[in-house]
Amino acid sequence: MATYGEAVKALLRAGFTHRDIIDLTNADGRDAVKKLGEDAIKEESNE
């Protein structure tokens, strides 16, 4: 399980902007950002 910070870094590498992540956090919460970031980390490892 990734930390929030690791998830944010993965999303940035995937092309999200800081603003996208802030808006997502405000709308859906940190858990949603962590889940999306964990999915991005899994995708990175599959490449």
N, C-alpha and C. Protein backbone atom coordinates (compact mmCIF):
# COMPACT_ATOMS: atom_id res chain seq x y z
N MET A 1 0.85 -1.18 0.00
CA MET A 1 0.00 0.00 0.00
C MET A 1 0.89 1.24 0.00
N ALA A 2 0.61 2.15 -0.89
CA ALA A 2 1.39 3.37 -1.04
C ALA A 2 0.95 4.42 -0.03
N THR A 3 1.87 5.29 0.31
CA THR A 3 1.51 6.44 1.13
C THR A 3 0.85 7.48 0.22
N TYR A 4 0.25 8.48 0.83
CA TYR A 4 -0.36 9.56 0.05
C TYR A 4 0.69 10.24 -0.82
N GLY A 5 1.86 10.50 -0.26
CA GLY A 5 2.93 11.17 -1.01
C GLY A 5 3.40 10.35 -2.20
N GLU A 6 3.56 9.05 -2.01
CA GLU A 6 3.96 8.17 -3.12
C GLU A 6 2.89 8.16 -4.20
N ALA A 7 1.63 8.18 -3.77
CA ALA A 7 0.52 8.19 -4.73
C ALA A 7 0.53 9.48 -5.54
N VAL A 8 0.77 10.60 -4.87
CA VAL A 8 0.81 11.89 -5.57
C VAL A 8 1.95 11.89 -6.58
N LYS A 9 3.11 11.41 -6.20
CA LYS A 9 4.26 11.36 -7.12
C LYS A 9 3.94 10.50 -8.34
N ALA A 10 3.27 9.38 -8.13
CA ALA A 10 2.91 8.51 -9.24
C ALA A 10 1.92 9.20 -10.17
N LEU A 11 0.98 9.94 -9.61
CA LEU A 11 0.02 10.65 -10.45
C LEU A 11 0.70 11.76 -11.24
N LEU A 12 1.67 12.43 -10.63
CA LEU A 12 2.41 13.46 -11.36
C LEU A 12 3.19 12.84 -12.52
N ARG A 13 3.80 11.69 -12.29
CA ARG A 13 4.52 11.00 -13.37
C ARG A 13 3.56 10.56 -14.47
N ALA A 14 2.31 10.27 -14.09
CA ALA A 14 1.31 9.82 -15.06
C ALA A 14 0.69 10.97 -15.85
N GLY A 15 1.05 12.21 -15.49
CA GLY A 15 0.57 13.34 -16.27
C GLY A 15 -0.44 14.24 -15.58
N PHE A 16 -0.82 13.92 -14.36
CA PHE A 16 -1.71 14.79 -13.62
C PHE A 16 -0.95 16.05 -13.21
N THR A 17 -1.66 17.17 -13.11
CA THR A 17 -1.04 18.39 -12.60
C THR A 17 -1.29 18.48 -11.10
N HIS A 18 -0.53 19.35 -10.45
CA HIS A 18 -0.76 19.57 -9.02
C HIS A 18 -2.21 20.01 -8.79
N ARG A 19 -2.72 20.86 -9.67
CA ARG A 19 -4.09 21.37 -9.54
C ARG A 19 -5.09 20.22 -9.65
N ASP A 20 -4.86 19.30 -10.58
CA ASP A 20 -5.74 18.13 -10.73
C ASP A 20 -5.82 17.35 -9.43
N ILE A 21 -4.65 17.14 -8.82
CA ILE A 21 -4.59 16.34 -7.60
C ILE A 21 -5.26 17.06 -6.44
N ILE A 22 -5.05 18.37 -6.34
CA ILE A 22 -5.70 19.16 -5.28
C ILE A 22 -7.22 19.10 -5.45
N ASP A 23 -7.68 19.31 -6.68
CA ASP A 23 -9.13 19.27 -6.94
C ASP A 23 -9.71 17.90 -6.64
N LEU A 24 -9.01 16.85 -7.02
CA LEU A 24 -9.48 15.49 -6.75
C LEU A 24 -9.53 15.23 -5.24
N THR A 25 -8.52 15.69 -4.53
CA THR A 25 -8.49 15.52 -3.08
C THR A 25 -9.66 16.25 -2.43
N ASN A 26 -9.92 17.47 -2.87
CA ASN A 26 -11.03 18.24 -2.31
C ASN A 26 -12.37 17.61 -2.63
N ALA A 27 -12.50 17.05 -3.82
CA ALA A 27 -13.78 16.49 -4.24
C ALA A 27 -14.03 15.10 -3.65
N ASP A 28 -13.01 14.24 -3.69
CA ASP A 28 -13.20 12.84 -3.34
C ASP A 28 -12.44 12.37 -2.11
N GLY A 29 -11.52 13.18 -1.63
CA GLY A 29 -10.77 12.82 -0.42
C GLY A 29 -9.44 12.16 -0.72
N ARG A 30 -8.61 12.11 0.31
CA ARG A 30 -7.26 11.56 0.18
C ARG A 30 -7.27 10.07 -0.16
N ASP A 31 -8.26 9.35 0.33
CA ASP A 31 -8.31 7.91 0.05
C ASP A 31 -8.50 7.65 -1.45
N ALA A 32 -9.30 8.47 -2.11
CA ALA A 32 -9.50 8.31 -3.55
C ALA A 32 -8.21 8.60 -4.31
N VAL A 33 -7.48 9.61 -3.86
CA VAL A 33 -6.20 9.94 -4.50
C VAL A 33 -5.21 8.80 -4.29
N LYS A 34 -5.17 8.25 -3.07
CA LYS A 34 -4.27 7.13 -2.80
C LYS A 34 -4.61 5.94 -3.69
N LYS A 35 -5.89 5.64 -3.84
CA LYS A 35 -6.32 4.51 -4.68
C LYS A 35 -5.89 4.73 -6.13
N LEU A 36 -6.13 5.92 -6.64
CA LEU A 36 -5.76 6.23 -8.01
C LEU A 36 -4.24 6.17 -8.19
N GLY A 37 -3.52 6.68 -7.20
CA GLY A 37 -2.06 6.63 -7.25
C GLY A 37 -1.54 5.21 -7.20
N GLU A 38 -2.15 4.37 -6.39
CA GLU A 38 -1.74 2.97 -6.32
C GLU A 38 -1.98 2.28 -7.66
N ASP A 39 -3.08 2.63 -8.31
CA ASP A 39 -3.35 2.08 -9.65
C ASP A 39 -2.28 2.54 -10.64
N ALA A 40 -1.87 3.81 -10.52
CA ALA A 40 -0.82 4.34 -11.40
C ALA A 40 0.51 3.62 -11.16
N ILE A 41 0.81 3.33 -9.90
CA ILE A 41 2.04 2.60 -9.57
C ILE A 41 2.00 1.20 -10.18
N LYS A 42 0.85 0.55 -10.11
CA LYS A 42 0.72 -0.78 -10.71
C LYS A 42 0.92 -0.72 -12.22
N GLU A 43 0.38 0.31 -12.86
CA GLU A 43 0.55 0.48 -14.30
C GLU A 43 2.02 0.69 -14.65
N GLU A 44 2.72 1.47 -13.84
CA GLU A 44 4.15 1.71 -14.08
C GLU A 44 4.93 0.40 -14.01
N SER A 45 4.57 -0.43 -13.07
CA SER A 45 5.32 -1.68 -12.91
C SER A 45 5.02 -2.67 -14.03
N ASN A 46 3.90 -2.48 -14.72
CA ASN A 46 3.54 -3.37 -15.83
C ASN A 46 4.23 -2.98 -17.13
N GLU A 47 4.81 -1.80 -17.18
CA GLU A 47 5.43 -1.32 -18.43
C GLU A 47 6.80 -1.88 -18.62
